[in-house]
Amino acid sequence: MADTLLDKVWQAHTVRTLPSGQTQLFIGLHLIHEVTSPQAFQMLREAGLKVRYPERTFATIDHIVPTASQLRPFADAMAEEMTVHLTRHCKEFGISFFDLDSSRQGIVHVIGPELGLTQPGMTIACGDSHTSTHGALGALAFGIGTSQVRDILATQCLALAKPKLRQIRIEGRLRRGVYAKDVILAIIRRLGVMGGVGYAYEYAGSAIHAMSMEERLTICNMSIEGGARVGYVNPDATTFEYLKGRPFAPQGEAFDRAMAWWRGMATDPDATFDDVVRLDAPSIEPMLTWGTNPEQSMGVSERIPHPHDAPDADRAAWAEALAFMGLESGRSIAGTPINVAFIGSCTNGRLSDLRVAAEVVRGRKVAKRIRALVVPGSQAVARAAEAEGLHDIFLEAGFEWRKAGCSLCLGMNEDKLTGREICAASSNRNFKGRMGSPTGRTLLMSPAMVAAAAIQGQIADVREMLP
């Protein structure tokens, strides 16, 4: 019988079927950070429990860490307190902690793959919704809540219902100036933010196969924005080459043995799916959001939609989003002025993201009165970018070059929008208040598109600026 990766990994990690019908699923890798773990550790302590498998849990700080200056104690008292708590808990329970002095600190969904902790065939969980990122390496990766963080710390298991599986096939070659971020925004626009509820997404097709691992990470990262619990790409030669030599990946002959097993976890050629969706890669243009959720997106050459263009059930939401964003239906989205440009996040804060943005920025200057930030996704990304001189390109153009962290993506640190500022962002969510100001506005797009907007001071078609 032919099986999918979802079937194989689920079966390999099933402990038992619970009376509720859910599966008790063993979690191979547990990633934690400073925001959703303190309460979980407190619940563990109150129950008199220990961490069951501390060697399977790894911690970092990312959400609240400042990116301008990371000298301790942090200026934000809450950020300092959270960091103190996480440090103490990791020491008490014997958990590996990638702190600011480790040289391995960074956004949890950036450091997991780059350290080789994330591997094909794994089950992975983290108290963060964008854990789906790790599926790019052929894993099943679940975002969880604080009580589930507690459960994994205590038992290394989760109670989960197995989702249905939708394969999303992207066929053909992407055009110049179109990136992985544009692809996932096009998918979410097509299927909606609720389209993936009850599903896992398997990304396939010639366009996905041609992507680098970092591009696949971007695609899988935003699976949750489409409502899917997990998203993954089958492991292949790109996966194995990416993992080879990474600190926590198998080494030598052990790597060869692991690679044979990883290859066997991929979906069988004649496996069946609950649903299949196809998109034509050449039809995708540079994308950006116009509203207050990632489904409300459009191509850069399009005109801002009118609520009467929406399905009946969505008309009120479209009207509300347009009013909040201050955008006028029928006008071109290109030319919309911005105040802030942000390149970073667990979606697009990797080295390849900084490279494509630097390609746009090189030899140009940020427009007057635009605040522009580049925030590497990890200390390793920052070192690699600096070794290539990318930071000099950004600094000479007028960008700020920051330390690793989540930064503006969620506004839980010192980086926030002010008032009605509008931000061109390479992050993953454009909800009201997401970037720290209840009236701040976010336009999601690729790092290259953010760079173009920073230079022009307004939304621009990056294809017109590429060398």
Protein backbone atom coordinates (compact mmCIF):
# COMPACT_ATOMS: atom_id res chain seq x y z
CA MET A 1 0.00 0.00 0.00
CA ALA A 2 1.39 3.42 -0.97
CA ASP A 3 1.80 5.94 1.85
CA THR A 4 2.47 9.64 2.17
CA LEU A 5 5.12 11.20 4.37
CA LEU A 6 2.30 12.19 6.70
CA ASP A 7 1.25 8.54 7.01
CA LYS A 8 4.78 7.26 7.55
CA VAL A 9 5.90 9.80 10.13
CA TRP A 10 2.59 9.60 11.99
CA GLN A 11 2.76 5.82 12.19
CA ALA A 12 6.41 5.83 13.26
CA HIS A 13 5.64 8.15 16.19
CA THR A 14 2.29 6.74 17.33
CA VAL A 15 2.35 5.49 20.92
CA ARG A 16 -1.33 4.50 21.03
CA THR A 17 -4.82 5.57 20.04
CA LEU A 18 -6.56 7.40 22.89
CA PRO A 19 -10.19 6.84 23.92
CA SER A 20 -10.96 10.26 22.39
CA GLY A 21 -9.87 8.94 19.00
CA GLN A 22 -6.79 11.15 19.04
CA THR A 23 -3.28 9.78 18.68
CA GLN A 24 -0.74 9.88 21.47
CA LEU A 25 2.18 11.04 19.35
CA PHE A 26 5.80 10.94 20.46
CA ILE A 27 7.62 14.22 19.77
CA GLY A 28 11.18 13.79 18.61
CA LEU A 29 12.30 17.41 18.98
CA HIS A 30 10.93 20.10 21.28
CA LEU A 31 11.98 23.73 20.78
CA ILE A 32 11.23 26.38 23.39
CA HIS A 33 11.70 30.11 23.83
CA GLU A 34 11.18 32.71 26.53
CA VAL A 35 7.52 33.61 25.91
CA THR A 36 5.49 30.38 26.09
CA SER A 37 7.73 28.32 28.38
CA PRO A 38 7.79 30.06 31.82
CA GLN A 39 4.21 29.12 32.69
CA ALA A 40 4.79 25.56 31.43
CA PHE A 41 7.80 25.13 33.69
CA GLN A 42 5.81 26.53 36.61
CA MET A 43 3.02 24.01 36.00
CA LEU A 44 5.62 21.25 35.86
CA ARG A 45 7.11 22.36 39.15
CA GLU A 46 3.71 22.61 40.85
CA ALA A 47 2.92 19.04 39.79
CA GLY A 48 6.26 17.80 41.11
CA LEU A 49 7.33 16.57 37.67
CA LYS A 50 10.66 16.55 35.88
CA VAL A 51 11.46 17.00 32.20
CA ARG A 52 11.16 13.49 30.76
CA TYR A 53 13.77 13.74 27.99
CA PRO A 54 15.76 16.97 28.50
CA GLU A 55 18.14 15.98 25.68
CA ARG A 56 15.24 16.35 23.20
CA THR A 57 14.45 19.96 24.20
CA PHE A 58 16.45 23.00 23.04
CA ALA A 59 15.90 26.63 24.02
CA THR A 60 16.69 30.07 22.64
CA ILE A 61 15.58 33.67 23.16
CA ASP A 62 14.08 35.51 20.23
CA HIS A 63 10.65 37.11 20.69
CA ILE A 64 11.43 39.71 23.35
CA VAL A 65 15.15 40.17 22.81
CA PRO A 66 16.07 43.71 21.72
CA THR A 67 17.87 44.06 18.39
CA ALA A 68 19.52 47.49 18.77
CA SER A 69 21.52 46.74 21.92
CA GLN A 70 21.58 43.36 23.63
CA LEU A 71 23.56 44.39 26.69
CA ARG A 72 22.20 42.91 29.92
CA PRO A 73 20.15 43.74 31.84
CA PHE A 74 17.73 44.62 29.03
CA ALA A 75 16.10 48.03 29.22
CA ASP A 76 12.68 46.33 29.09
CA ALA A 77 12.13 44.87 32.57
CA MET A 78 9.69 42.22 31.30
CA ALA A 79 12.16 41.04 28.64
CA GLU A 80 14.88 40.78 31.26
CA GLU A 81 12.61 38.84 33.62
CA MET A 82 11.58 36.36 30.93
CA THR A 83 15.22 35.80 30.00
CA VAL A 84 16.19 35.23 33.64
CA HIS A 85 13.38 32.69 34.05
CA LEU A 86 14.31 30.76 30.91
CA THR A 87 17.98 30.69 31.89
CA ARG A 88 17.11 29.36 35.35
CA HIS A 89 14.69 26.72 34.04
CA CYS A 90 17.15 25.41 31.47
CA LYS A 91 19.87 25.11 34.09
CA GLU A 92 17.52 23.46 36.59
CA PHE A 93 16.16 20.86 34.15
CA GLY A 94 19.33 20.25 32.11
CA ILE A 95 18.12 21.75 28.83
CA SER A 96 20.50 23.08 26.16
CA PHE A 97 20.10 26.86 25.87
CA PHE A 98 21.34 28.98 22.97
CA ASP A 99 21.65 32.31 24.76
CA LEU A 100 23.24 35.54 23.57
CA ASP A 101 26.73 34.33 24.55
CA SER A 102 26.42 30.99 22.75
CA SER A 103 27.07 32.25 19.17
CA ARG A 104 24.05 30.11 18.20
CA GLN A 105 21.19 32.35 19.36
CA GLY A 106 18.50 33.35 16.94
CA ILE A 107 14.85 32.97 15.99
CA VAL A 108 13.82 29.46 16.96
CA HIS A 109 12.65 28.53 13.45
CA VAL A 110 15.89 29.78 11.93
CA ILE A 111 18.35 28.06 14.26
CA GLY A 112 16.58 24.66 14.28
CA PRO A 113 17.32 23.96 10.61
CA GLU A 114 20.67 25.77 10.46
CA LEU A 115 22.03 23.73 13.41
CA GLY A 116 20.79 20.45 11.95
CA LEU A 117 18.39 19.86 14.84
CA THR A 118 15.53 19.72 12.32
CA GLN A 119 15.72 16.50 10.29
CA PRO A 120 13.47 14.53 7.92
CA GLY A 121 10.98 12.10 9.39
CA MET A 122 10.83 13.89 12.74
CA THR A 123 7.92 15.10 14.78
CA ILE A 124 8.70 18.59 16.07
CA ALA A 125 6.78 20.89 18.39
CA CYS A 126 7.27 24.43 19.66
CA GLY A 127 5.11 26.93 21.50
CA ASP A 128 4.92 29.15 18.44
CA SER A 129 2.47 29.05 15.55
CA HIS A 130 5.15 29.18 12.84
CA THR A 131 6.66 25.84 13.82
CA SER A 132 5.32 24.61 10.48
CA THR A 133 8.57 26.09 9.07
CA HIS A 134 10.48 22.92 9.94
CA GLY A 135 8.37 20.85 7.56
CA ALA A 136 10.60 22.15 4.76
CA LEU A 137 13.05 19.38 5.68
CA GLY A 138 10.41 16.64 5.56
CA ALA A 139 9.28 16.77 9.18
CA LEU A 140 5.84 17.10 10.78
CA ALA A 141 6.11 20.26 12.86
CA PHE A 142 3.34 21.52 15.14
CA GLY A 143 2.79 24.89 16.76
CA ILE A 144 1.38 24.35 20.26
CA GLY A 145 0.09 26.24 23.31
CA THR A 146 1.62 26.59 26.77
CA SER A 147 -0.29 23.66 28.30
CA GLN A 148 1.01 21.44 25.49
CA VAL A 149 4.54 22.72 26.12
CA ARG A 150 4.04 21.43 29.67
CA ASP A 151 2.77 18.07 28.36
CA ILE A 152 5.82 17.55 26.16
CA LEU A 153 8.22 18.56 28.91
CA ALA A 154 6.58 16.01 31.21
CA THR A 155 5.85 13.15 28.78
CA GLN A 156 7.48 13.93 25.39
CA CYS A 157 4.05 13.24 23.86
CA LEU A 158 1.10 15.16 22.43
CA ALA A 159 -2.54 14.17 21.92
CA LEU A 160 -3.38 15.04 18.31
CA ALA A 161 -5.94 14.20 15.66
CA LYS A 162 -4.37 13.18 12.37
CA PRO A 163 -5.22 15.80 9.71
CA LYS A 164 -6.33 15.17 6.16
CA LEU A 165 -3.73 15.82 3.48
CA ARG A 166 -3.83 18.29 0.60
CA GLN A 167 -1.07 18.28 -1.97
CA ILE A 168 -0.32 21.70 -3.46
CA ARG A 169 1.56 21.41 -6.74
CA ILE A 170 3.41 24.43 -8.13
CA GLU A 171 4.47 23.64 -11.67
CA GLY A 172 6.81 25.53 -14.01
CA ARG A 173 9.52 28.13 -13.46
CA LEU A 174 9.12 31.29 -11.42
CA ARG A 175 9.74 34.49 -13.33
CA ARG A 176 12.53 36.92 -12.51
CA GLY A 177 11.74 38.97 -9.41
CA VAL A 178 9.32 36.35 -8.03
CA TYR A 179 10.32 34.50 -4.86
CA ALA A 180 9.08 31.90 -2.41
CA LYS A 181 7.21 34.57 -0.42
CA ASP A 182 5.21 35.44 -3.52
CA VAL A 183 4.34 31.77 -4.01
CA ILE A 184 2.98 31.24 -0.51
CA LEU A 185 0.99 34.49 -0.64
CA ALA A 186 -0.49 33.35 -3.96
CA ILE A 187 -1.44 30.00 -2.39
CA ILE A 188 -3.11 31.66 0.60
CA ARG A 189 -4.93 34.10 -1.67
CA ARG A 190 -6.27 31.13 -3.65
CA LEU A 191 -7.25 28.87 -0.73
CA GLY A 192 -7.91 31.42 2.04
CA VAL A 193 -6.79 31.73 5.63
CA MET A 194 -9.26 29.03 6.64
CA GLY A 195 -8.74 26.80 3.62
CA GLY A 196 -6.26 24.54 5.37
CA VAL A 197 -8.26 23.93 8.56
CA GLY A 198 -8.22 20.19 9.23
CA TYR A 199 -5.45 19.63 6.66
CA ALA A 200 -1.74 19.17 6.37
CA TYR A 201 -0.21 20.68 3.23
CA GLU A 202 2.30 18.77 1.12
CA TYR A 203 4.09 21.15 -1.25
CA ALA A 204 5.22 19.54 -4.50
CA GLY A 205 5.74 20.16 -8.21
CA SER A 206 8.66 21.27 -10.32
CA ALA A 207 8.80 24.80 -8.87
CA ILE A 208 9.04 23.48 -5.29
CA HIS A 209 11.59 20.85 -6.31
CA ALA A 210 13.78 23.59 -7.83
CA MET A 211 13.73 25.72 -4.66
CA SER A 212 16.61 25.96 -2.23
CA MET A 213 16.07 24.80 1.34
CA GLU A 214 15.74 28.39 2.55
CA GLU A 215 13.01 29.05 -0.01
CA ARG A 216 11.18 25.91 1.12
CA LEU A 217 11.44 27.13 4.71
CA THR A 218 9.62 30.33 3.68
CA ILE A 219 6.84 28.34 2.00
CA CYS A 220 6.30 26.02 4.98
CA ASN A 221 6.56 28.87 7.49
CA MET A 222 3.30 30.41 6.34
CA SER A 223 1.32 27.16 6.12
CA ILE A 224 -0.32 28.17 9.38
CA GLU A 225 -1.45 31.46 7.78
CA GLY A 226 -3.49 29.33 5.37
CA GLY A 227 -5.09 27.44 8.26
CA ALA A 228 -3.05 24.23 7.85
CA ARG A 229 -1.69 22.62 11.02
CA VAL A 230 1.50 21.52 9.26
CA GLY A 231 3.11 21.94 5.86
CA TYR A 232 5.99 19.94 4.46
CA VAL A 233 8.20 19.24 1.45
CA ASN A 234 9.41 15.69 0.81
CA PRO A 235 13.11 15.17 1.59
CA ASP A 236 15.37 14.98 -1.47
CA ALA A 237 18.95 15.68 -2.56
CA THR A 238 18.52 19.38 -1.69
CA THR A 239 17.54 18.39 1.86
CA PHE A 240 20.46 16.03 2.32
CA GLU A 241 23.02 18.48 0.95
CA TYR A 242 21.68 21.19 3.26
CA LEU A 243 22.00 18.98 6.36
CA LYS A 244 25.45 17.56 5.65
CA GLY A 245 28.02 18.78 8.16
CA ARG A 246 25.60 20.71 10.38
CA PRO A 247 26.43 20.48 14.11
CA PHE A 248 23.52 18.30 15.24
CA ALA A 249 23.10 16.27 12.04
CA PRO A 250 24.52 12.72 11.90
CA GLN A 251 28.16 12.59 10.81
CA GLY A 252 30.15 10.24 8.58
CA GLU A 253 28.67 6.79 8.05
CA ALA A 254 25.81 7.66 10.38
CA PHE A 255 24.78 10.37 7.92
CA ASP A 256 24.69 7.87 5.05
CA ARG A 257 22.49 5.52 7.10
CA ALA A 258 20.22 8.38 8.12
CA MET A 259 19.95 9.56 4.53
CA ALA A 260 18.71 6.14 3.41
CA TRP A 261 16.00 6.24 6.09
CA TRP A 262 15.09 9.85 5.30
CA ARG A 263 14.69 9.00 1.63
CA GLY A 264 12.31 6.18 2.56
CA MET A 265 10.06 8.57 4.50
CA ALA A 266 9.12 10.54 1.38
CA THR A 267 5.67 10.15 -0.11
CA ASP A 268 5.38 7.10 -2.38
CA PRO A 269 4.87 7.95 -6.07
CA ASP A 270 1.41 6.36 -6.25
CA ALA A 271 0.12 7.65 -2.91
CA THR A 272 -3.28 9.34 -2.86
CA PHE A 273 -4.41 12.60 -1.25
CA ASP A 274 -7.64 13.97 0.14
CA ASP A 275 -7.29 16.93 -2.21
CA VAL A 276 -4.89 18.24 -4.85
CA VAL A 277 -4.49 21.90 -5.83
CA ARG A 278 -2.37 23.12 -8.75
CA LEU A 279 -0.86 26.54 -9.42
CA ASP A 280 1.07 27.68 -12.47
CA ALA A 281 4.40 29.18 -11.36
CA PRO A 282 4.87 31.53 -14.37
CA SER A 283 1.49 33.14 -13.61
CA ILE A 284 2.67 34.38 -10.19
CA GLU A 285 3.95 37.95 -9.98
CA PRO A 286 5.43 39.83 -7.01
CA MET A 287 2.73 39.73 -4.32
CA LEU A 288 1.83 41.86 -1.33
CA THR A 289 -1.04 42.15 1.11
CA TRP A 290 -3.51 45.02 1.01
CA GLY A 291 -5.63 44.11 4.05
CA THR A 292 -5.44 42.74 7.57
CA ASN A 293 -4.87 39.04 6.97
CA PRO A 294 -2.55 37.21 4.55
CA GLU A 295 -5.46 36.11 2.32
CA GLN A 296 -6.10 39.75 1.44
CA SER A 297 -3.26 39.95 -1.06
CA MET A 298 -2.70 40.94 -4.66
CA GLY A 299 -0.11 41.19 -7.41
CA VAL A 300 1.91 44.39 -7.53
CA SER A 301 0.51 45.24 -10.98
CA GLU A 302 -3.11 44.95 -9.82
CA ARG A 303 -5.51 47.59 -8.55
CA ILE A 304 -6.79 47.66 -4.99
CA PRO A 305 -9.99 45.60 -4.91
CA HIS A 306 -13.48 46.81 -4.10
CA PRO A 307 -15.64 45.05 -1.49
CA HIS A 308 -18.23 44.26 -4.16
CA ASP A 309 -15.57 42.03 -5.78
CA ALA A 310 -15.50 39.84 -2.67
CA PRO A 311 -17.59 36.74 -2.03
CA ASP A 312 -20.78 37.70 -0.18
CA ALA A 313 -19.47 36.37 3.14
CA ASP A 314 -16.30 38.47 2.88
CA ARG A 315 -17.64 41.85 1.76
CA ALA A 316 -17.92 43.37 5.23
CA ALA A 317 -14.42 42.17 6.15
CA TRP A 318 -12.96 43.61 2.94
CA ALA A 319 -14.63 46.97 3.57
CA GLU A 320 -13.36 47.03 7.16
CA ALA A 321 -9.82 46.10 6.07
CA LEU A 322 -9.70 48.79 3.39
CA ALA A 323 -10.94 51.41 5.84
CA PHE A 324 -8.33 50.39 8.43
CA MET A 325 -5.52 50.39 5.87
CA GLY A 326 -6.64 53.71 4.38
CA LEU A 327 -6.52 52.34 0.84
CA GLU A 328 -8.81 53.38 -1.98
CA SER A 329 -10.44 50.76 -4.22
CA GLY A 330 -9.54 50.98 -7.88
CA ARG A 331 -6.16 52.63 -7.36
CA SER A 332 -2.90 50.91 -8.15
CA ILE A 333 -1.21 49.42 -5.08
CA ALA A 334 2.13 50.53 -6.54
CA GLY A 335 2.87 54.04 -5.36
CA THR A 336 1.34 53.54 -1.90
CA PRO A 337 3.67 55.44 0.46
CA ILE A 338 5.32 53.69 3.41
CA ASN A 339 6.99 54.87 6.63
CA VAL A 340 8.95 51.79 7.70
CA ALA A 341 10.72 48.96 5.86
CA PHE A 342 11.49 45.74 7.75
CA ILE A 343 13.59 42.85 6.42
CA GLY A 344 13.75 39.92 8.83
CA SER A 345 11.60 37.39 10.78
CA CYS A 346 11.41 33.59 10.77
CA THR A 347 9.83 33.84 7.32
CA ASN A 348 12.52 35.86 5.55
CA GLY A 349 15.46 36.54 7.84
CA ARG A 350 17.92 34.03 6.35
CA LEU A 351 21.10 34.64 4.38
CA SER A 352 19.51 34.16 0.96
CA ASP A 353 16.80 36.69 1.89
CA LEU A 354 19.44 39.27 2.77
CA ARG A 355 21.30 38.57 -0.45
CA VAL A 356 18.31 39.24 -2.71
CA ALA A 357 17.47 42.42 -0.79
CA ALA A 358 21.07 43.61 -1.01
CA GLU A 359 20.97 43.05 -4.76
CA VAL A 360 18.17 45.64 -4.97
CA VAL A 361 19.75 48.04 -2.49
CA ARG A 362 23.32 48.05 -3.82
CA GLY A 363 24.38 51.55 -4.94
CA ARG A 364 21.09 53.15 -3.91
CA LYS A 365 19.82 55.16 -0.93
CA VAL A 366 16.80 54.71 1.33
CA ALA A 367 14.19 57.38 0.60
CA LYS A 368 14.00 60.37 2.95
CA ARG A 369 12.02 59.91 6.17
CA ILE A 370 11.89 56.11 5.77
CA ARG A 371 13.00 54.05 8.76
CA ALA A 372 14.57 50.89 7.33
CA LEU A 373 15.76 47.89 9.37
CA VAL A 374 17.54 44.66 8.50
CA VAL A 375 17.35 42.09 11.31
CA PRO A 376 19.21 38.80 10.70
CA GLY A 377 17.35 35.69 11.81
CA SER A 378 20.26 34.35 13.83
CA GLN A 379 23.76 35.15 14.99
CA ALA A 380 25.04 32.72 12.35
CA VAL A 381 23.12 34.54 9.61
CA ALA A 382 24.56 37.86 10.81
CA ARG A 383 28.13 36.52 10.76
CA ALA A 384 27.72 35.05 7.28
CA ALA A 385 26.15 38.25 5.94
CA GLU A 386 28.90 40.38 7.44
CA ALA A 387 31.56 38.07 5.98
CA GLU A 388 30.05 38.76 2.54
CA GLY A 389 29.86 42.50 3.17
CA LEU A 390 26.06 42.59 2.95
CA HIS A 391 25.82 44.70 6.10
CA ASP A 392 27.99 47.37 4.46
CA ILE A 393 25.64 47.51 1.46
CA PHE A 394 22.65 48.04 3.76
CA LEU A 395 24.41 50.56 6.00
CA GLU A 396 25.67 52.61 3.07
CA ALA A 397 22.12 52.74 1.71
CA GLY A 398 20.73 54.01 5.01
CA PHE A 399 19.35 50.84 6.59
CA GLU A 400 19.91 50.00 10.25
CA TRP A 401 21.82 46.73 10.73
CA ARG A 402 20.45 45.02 13.85
CA LYS A 403 21.19 42.05 16.10
CA ALA A 404 19.33 38.74 15.71
CA GLY A 405 15.74 38.52 16.96
CA CYS A 406 12.07 38.62 16.00
CA SER A 407 12.02 42.45 16.03
CA LEU A 408 9.08 44.22 14.37
CA CYS A 409 7.36 41.01 13.34
CA LEU A 410 5.30 40.90 16.51
CA GLY A 411 6.11 44.02 18.51
CA MET A 412 6.94 42.20 21.79
CA ASN A 413 10.27 43.99 22.02
CA GLU A 414 11.54 47.55 21.59
CA ASP A 415 10.92 47.53 17.82
CA LYS A 416 7.38 48.79 17.22
CA LEU A 417 5.39 50.90 14.82
CA THR A 418 4.18 54.29 16.03
CA GLY A 419 0.63 55.50 15.46
CA ARG A 420 -0.63 55.00 11.89
CA GLU A 421 2.76 54.16 10.40
CA ILE A 422 2.64 51.79 7.46
CA CYS A 423 5.34 49.13 7.19
CA ALA A 424 6.55 47.15 4.19
CA ALA A 425 7.53 43.89 5.89
CA SER A 426 9.03 40.54 4.96
CA SER A 427 7.32 38.94 7.97
CA ASN A 428 4.25 36.69 8.10
CA ARG A 429 1.29 38.48 9.71
CA ASN A 430 -0.49 41.73 8.96
CA PHE A 431 -3.12 41.63 11.71
CA LYS A 432 -4.22 44.83 13.40
CA GLY A 433 -1.78 45.71 16.18
CA ARG A 434 0.67 42.98 15.17
CA MET A 435 3.66 45.35 15.11
CA GLY A 436 3.04 47.01 18.44
CA SER A 437 0.74 49.88 17.47
CA PRO A 438 -3.03 49.26 17.50
CA THR A 439 -3.37 51.51 14.46
CA GLY A 440 -0.14 50.54 12.70
CA ARG A 441 -0.45 48.99 9.24
CA THR A 442 1.53 46.15 7.65
CA LEU A 443 2.01 45.21 4.01
CA LEU A 444 3.58 41.75 3.66
CA MET A 445 5.91 41.09 0.71
CA SER A 446 9.23 39.49 -0.23
CA PRO A 447 12.55 40.91 1.07
CA ALA A 448 13.33 42.15 -2.46
CA MET A 449 10.00 43.99 -2.58
CA VAL A 450 10.67 45.51 0.87
CA ALA A 451 14.06 46.71 -0.34
CA ALA A 452 12.45 48.29 -3.41
CA ALA A 453 9.85 50.04 -1.24
CA ALA A 454 12.55 51.37 1.09
CA ILE A 455 14.46 52.88 -1.82
CA GLN A 456 11.39 54.37 -3.50
CA GLY A 457 9.60 55.38 -0.30
CA GLN A 458 6.52 53.67 -1.68
CA ILE A 459 5.37 50.30 -2.99
CA ALA A 460 7.28 49.54 -6.18
CA ASP A 461 7.60 46.64 -8.61
CA VAL A 462 10.99 45.14 -7.79
CA ARG A 463 11.28 43.74 -11.32
CA GLU A 464 11.90 47.28 -12.54
CA MET A 465 14.84 47.68 -10.14
CA LEU A 466 16.73 44.45 -10.61
CA PRO A 467 20.10 44.71 -12.37
